[in-house]
Amino acid sequence: MTQETVLHSPSPEILDIPLARKVIGLDDESLLEIFVDFVSNHAGMGATLEQAYQEQNFAKLRELAHYLKGSSSSICAPQLETSCRALEHQAKSWQALDGTDLSPTPQLVEEVNNALAQVIKLITKLQV
């Protein structure tokens, strides 16, 4: 007989496990597998975002933010999703019609990286 996996999130703004259970509709053991896959697939994303920002490649930055927004939404990571949405929007409309520079700020890139790091850290703790 195996012990049932029960997941608890002390920070639902980082990872909303009750909502994930409801939306995804899987048991906690299966959810944990999805969360671990998220970590595997996104572990290097912070550096990739930073590189795209440093290169001022806003098309790539927008694409990465869009991808990460969708991924974070699918695992119910609201803080990361919100940060990615803002970054995607800024990267999409980085120059106003009047020529005003509206390019993404380094603070927003850092906010996304910090939110991603928090999700990864929390999921890593769940594996213990």
C-alpha atoms as a PDB file:
ATOM      1  CA  MET A   1       0.000   0.000   0.000  1.00  0.00           C
ATOM      2  CA  THR A   2       1.459   3.366  -1.001  1.00  0.00           C
ATOM      3  CA  GLN A   3       0.995   6.563   0.910  1.00  0.00           C
ATOM      4  CA  GLU A   4      -1.234   9.048  -0.906  1.00  0.00           C
ATOM      5  CA  THR A   5       0.468  12.255  -1.996  1.00  0.00           C
ATOM      6  CA  VAL A   6      -1.188  15.340  -0.511  1.00  0.00           C
ATOM      7  CA  LEU A   7       0.055  18.704  -1.717  1.00  0.00           C
ATOM      8  CA  HIS A   8      -0.188  21.910   0.280  1.00  0.00           C
ATOM      9  CA  SER A   9       0.810  25.352  -0.889  1.00  0.00           C
ATOM     10  CA  PRO A  10       1.653  27.894   1.781  1.00  0.00           C
ATOM     11  CA  SER A  11       1.546  30.602  -0.900  1.00  0.00           C
ATOM     12  CA  PRO A  12      -1.451  30.342  -3.247  1.00  0.00           C
ATOM     13  CA  GLU A  13      -0.377  33.550  -4.978  1.00  0.00           C
ATOM     14  CA  ILE A  14       2.707  31.638  -6.120  1.00  0.00           C
ATOM     15  CA  LEU A  15       1.047  28.265  -6.804  1.00  0.00           C
ATOM     16  CA  ASP A  16      -2.671  27.780  -6.183  1.00  0.00           C
ATOM     17  CA  ILE A  17      -2.867  24.028  -5.623  1.00  0.00           C
ATOM     18  CA  PRO A  18      -6.597  23.904  -4.715  1.00  0.00           C
ATOM     19  CA  LEU A  19      -7.416  25.732  -7.948  1.00  0.00           C
ATOM     20  CA  ALA A  20      -5.064  23.442  -9.910  1.00  0.00           C
ATOM     21  CA  ARG A  21      -6.870  20.400  -8.481  1.00  0.00           C
ATOM     22  CA  LYS A  22     -10.181  21.861  -9.595  1.00  0.00           C
ATOM     23  CA  VAL A  23      -9.071  23.089 -13.032  1.00  0.00           C
ATOM     24  CA  ILE A  24      -6.817  20.197 -14.007  1.00  0.00           C
ATOM     25  CA  GLY A  25      -8.925  17.565 -12.279  1.00  0.00           C
ATOM     26  CA  LEU A  26      -6.147  15.195 -11.266  1.00  0.00           C
ATOM     27  CA  ASP A  27      -5.039  13.642  -8.004  1.00  0.00           C
ATOM     28  CA  ASP A  28      -2.128  15.237  -6.144  1.00  0.00           C
ATOM     29  CA  GLU A  29       0.401  12.661  -7.310  1.00  0.00           C
ATOM     30  CA  SER A  30      -0.421  13.438 -10.957  1.00  0.00           C
ATOM     31  CA  LEU A  31      -0.399  17.181 -10.227  1.00  0.00           C
ATOM     32  CA  LEU A  32       3.055  16.859  -8.726  1.00  0.00           C
ATOM     33  CA  GLU A  33       4.251  15.178 -11.927  1.00  0.00           C
ATOM     34  CA  ILE A  34       2.889  18.110 -13.952  1.00  0.00           C
ATOM     35  CA  PHE A  35       4.561  20.598 -11.595  1.00  0.00           C
ATOM     36  CA  VAL A  36       7.890  18.747 -11.830  1.00  0.00           C
ATOM     37  CA  ASP A  37       7.602  18.759 -15.630  1.00  0.00           C
ATOM     38  CA  PHE A  38       7.041  22.528 -15.455  1.00  0.00           C
ATOM     39  CA  VAL A  39      10.305  22.903 -13.541  1.00  0.00           C
ATOM     40  CA  SER A  40      12.170  20.684 -16.017  1.00  0.00           C
ATOM     41  CA  ASN A  41      10.828  22.609 -18.994  1.00  0.00           C
ATOM     42  CA  HIS A  42      11.353  26.109 -17.570  1.00  0.00           C
ATOM     43  CA  ALA A  43      14.485  25.912 -15.401  1.00  0.00           C
ATOM     44  CA  GLY A  44      16.609  27.910 -17.861  1.00  0.00           C
ATOM     45  CA  MET A  45      13.880  30.325 -18.917  1.00  0.00           C
ATOM     46  CA  GLY A  46      15.055  33.141 -16.635  1.00  0.00           C
ATOM     47  CA  ALA A  47      18.440  33.321 -18.326  1.00  0.00           C
ATOM     48  CA  THR A  48      16.805  33.154 -21.759  1.00  0.00           C
ATOM     49  CA  LEU A  49      14.491  36.054 -20.878  1.00  0.00           C
ATOM     50  CA  GLU A  50      17.418  38.071 -19.573  1.00  0.00           C
ATOM     51  CA  GLN A  51      19.435  37.421 -22.728  1.00  0.00           C
ATOM     52  CA  ALA A  52      16.551  38.497 -24.979  1.00  0.00           C
ATOM     53  CA  TYR A  53      16.208  41.678 -22.917  1.00  0.00           C
ATOM     54  CA  GLN A  54      19.949  42.427 -23.045  1.00  0.00           C
ATOM     55  CA  GLU A  55      19.881  41.971 -26.818  1.00  0.00           C
ATOM     56  CA  GLN A  56      16.799  44.240 -26.998  1.00  0.00           C
ATOM     57  CA  ASN A  57      15.100  41.432 -28.924  1.00  0.00           C
ATOM     58  CA  PHE A  58      11.577  42.412 -27.948  1.00  0.00           C
ATOM     59  CA  ALA A  59       9.933  40.005 -30.407  1.00  0.00           C
ATOM     60  CA  LYS A  60      11.677  37.084 -28.717  1.00  0.00           C
ATOM     61  CA  LEU A  61      10.972  38.544 -25.281  1.00  0.00           C
ATOM     62  CA  ARG A  62       7.277  38.806 -26.134  1.00  0.00           C
ATOM     63  CA  GLU A  63       7.237  35.241 -27.457  1.00  0.00           C
ATOM     64  CA  LEU A  64       8.943  33.901 -24.312  1.00  0.00           C
ATOM     65  CA  ALA A  65       6.649  35.883 -22.009  1.00  0.00           C
ATOM     66  CA  HIS A  66       3.605  34.616 -23.912  1.00  0.00           C
ATOM     67  CA  TYR A  67       4.787  31.011 -23.657  1.00  0.00           C
ATOM     68  CA  LEU A  68       5.572  31.323 -19.959  1.00  0.00           C
ATOM     69  CA  LYS A  69       2.247  33.091 -19.326  1.00  0.00           C
ATOM     70  CA  GLY A  70       0.384  30.132 -20.809  1.00  0.00           C
ATOM     71  CA  SER A  71       2.473  27.585 -18.941  1.00  0.00           C
ATOM     72  CA  SER A  72       2.062  29.371 -15.622  1.00  0.00           C
ATOM     73  CA  SER A  73      -1.676  29.690 -16.192  1.00  0.00           C
ATOM     74  CA  SER A  74      -1.968  25.961 -16.852  1.00  0.00           C
ATOM     75  CA  ILE A  75      -0.426  25.123 -13.459  1.00  0.00           C
ATOM     76  CA  CYS A  76      -2.292  27.927 -11.642  1.00  0.00           C
ATOM     77  CA  ALA A  77       0.701  30.137 -10.795  1.00  0.00           C
ATOM     78  CA  PRO A  78      -1.124  33.514 -10.708  1.00  0.00           C
ATOM     79  CA  GLN A  79       1.728  35.831  -9.726  1.00  0.00           C
ATOM     80  CA  LEU A  80       3.947  34.510 -12.519  1.00  0.00           C
ATOM     81  CA  GLU A  81       1.090  34.638 -15.024  1.00  0.00           C
ATOM     82  CA  THR A  82       0.349  38.286 -14.155  1.00  0.00           C
ATOM     83  CA  SER A  83       4.007  39.305 -14.448  1.00  0.00           C
ATOM     84  CA  CYS A  84       4.333  37.507 -17.781  1.00  0.00           C
ATOM     85  CA  ARG A  85       1.191  39.180 -19.097  1.00  0.00           C
ATOM     86  CA  ALA A  86       2.646  42.607 -18.271  1.00  0.00           C
ATOM     87  CA  LEU A  87       5.996  41.753 -19.868  1.00  0.00           C
ATOM     88  CA  GLU A  88       4.319  40.365 -22.970  1.00  0.00           C
ATOM     89  CA  HIS A  89       2.265  43.545 -23.314  1.00  0.00           C
ATOM     90  CA  GLN A  90       5.290  45.818 -22.924  1.00  0.00           C
ATOM     91  CA  ALA A  91       7.378  43.778 -25.348  1.00  0.00           C
ATOM     92  CA  LYS A  92       4.526  43.811 -27.872  1.00  0.00           C
ATOM     93  CA  SER A  93       3.997  47.573 -27.795  1.00  0.00           C
ATOM     94  CA  TRP A  94       7.511  48.774 -27.015  1.00  0.00           C
ATOM     95  CA  GLN A  95       7.251  51.928 -29.052  1.00  0.00           C
ATOM     96  CA  ALA A  96       4.300  54.300 -29.012  1.00  0.00           C
ATOM     97  CA  LEU A  97       2.947  55.774 -32.212  1.00  0.00           C
ATOM     98  CA  ASP A  98       4.527  59.097 -31.307  1.00  0.00           C
ATOM     99  CA  GLY A  99       7.944  57.438 -30.967  1.00  0.00           C
ATOM    100  CA  THR A 100       7.965  57.384 -27.172  1.00  0.00           C
ATOM    101  CA  ASP A 101      10.080  54.515 -25.870  1.00  0.00           C
ATOM    102  CA  LEU A 102       7.840  52.083 -23.999  1.00  0.00           C
ATOM    103  CA  SER A 103      10.303  49.203 -24.038  1.00  0.00           C
ATOM    104  CA  PRO A 104      10.166  46.623 -21.266  1.00  0.00           C
ATOM    105  CA  THR A 105      11.932  47.694 -18.121  1.00  0.00           C
ATOM    106  CA  PRO A 106      14.675  45.639 -16.504  1.00  0.00           C
ATOM    107  CA  GLN A 107      12.537  45.675 -13.344  1.00  0.00           C
ATOM    108  CA  LEU A 108       9.718  43.863 -15.145  1.00  0.00           C
ATOM    109  CA  VAL A 109      12.105  41.248 -16.529  1.00  0.00           C
ATOM    110  CA  GLU A 110      13.463  40.818 -13.003  1.00  0.00           C
ATOM    111  CA  GLU A 111       9.900  40.544 -11.636  1.00  0.00           C
ATOM    112  CA  VAL A 112       9.145  37.696 -14.049  1.00  0.00           C
ATOM    113  CA  ASN A 113      12.431  35.974 -13.185  1.00  0.00           C
ATOM    114  CA  ASN A 114      11.747  36.315  -9.454  1.00  0.00           C
ATOM    115  CA  ALA A 115       8.200  34.971  -9.832  1.00  0.00           C
ATOM    116  CA  LEU A 116       9.517  32.041 -11.878  1.00  0.00           C
ATOM    117  CA  ALA A 117      12.184  31.328  -9.265  1.00  0.00           C
ATOM    118  CA  GLN A 118       9.538  31.332  -6.518  1.00  0.00           C
ATOM    119  CA  VAL A 119       7.372  28.832  -8.425  1.00  0.00           C
ATOM    120  CA  ILE A 120      10.359  26.568  -9.056  1.00  0.00           C
ATOM    121  CA  LYS A 121      11.451  26.790  -5.417  1.00  0.00           C
ATOM    122  CA  LEU A 122       7.972  25.957  -4.134  1.00  0.00           C
ATOM    123  CA  ILE A 123       7.598  23.003  -6.497  1.00  0.00           C
ATOM    124  CA  THR A 124      11.030  21.744  -5.492  1.00  0.00           C
ATOM    125  CA  LYS A 125       9.943  21.825  -1.831  1.00  0.00           C
ATOM    126  CA  LEU A 126       6.791  19.854  -2.717  1.00  0.00           C
ATOM    127  CA  GLN A 127       8.953  17.002  -4.031  1.00  0.00           C
ATOM    128  CA  VAL A 128      10.500  16.346  -0.643  1.00  0.00           C
END
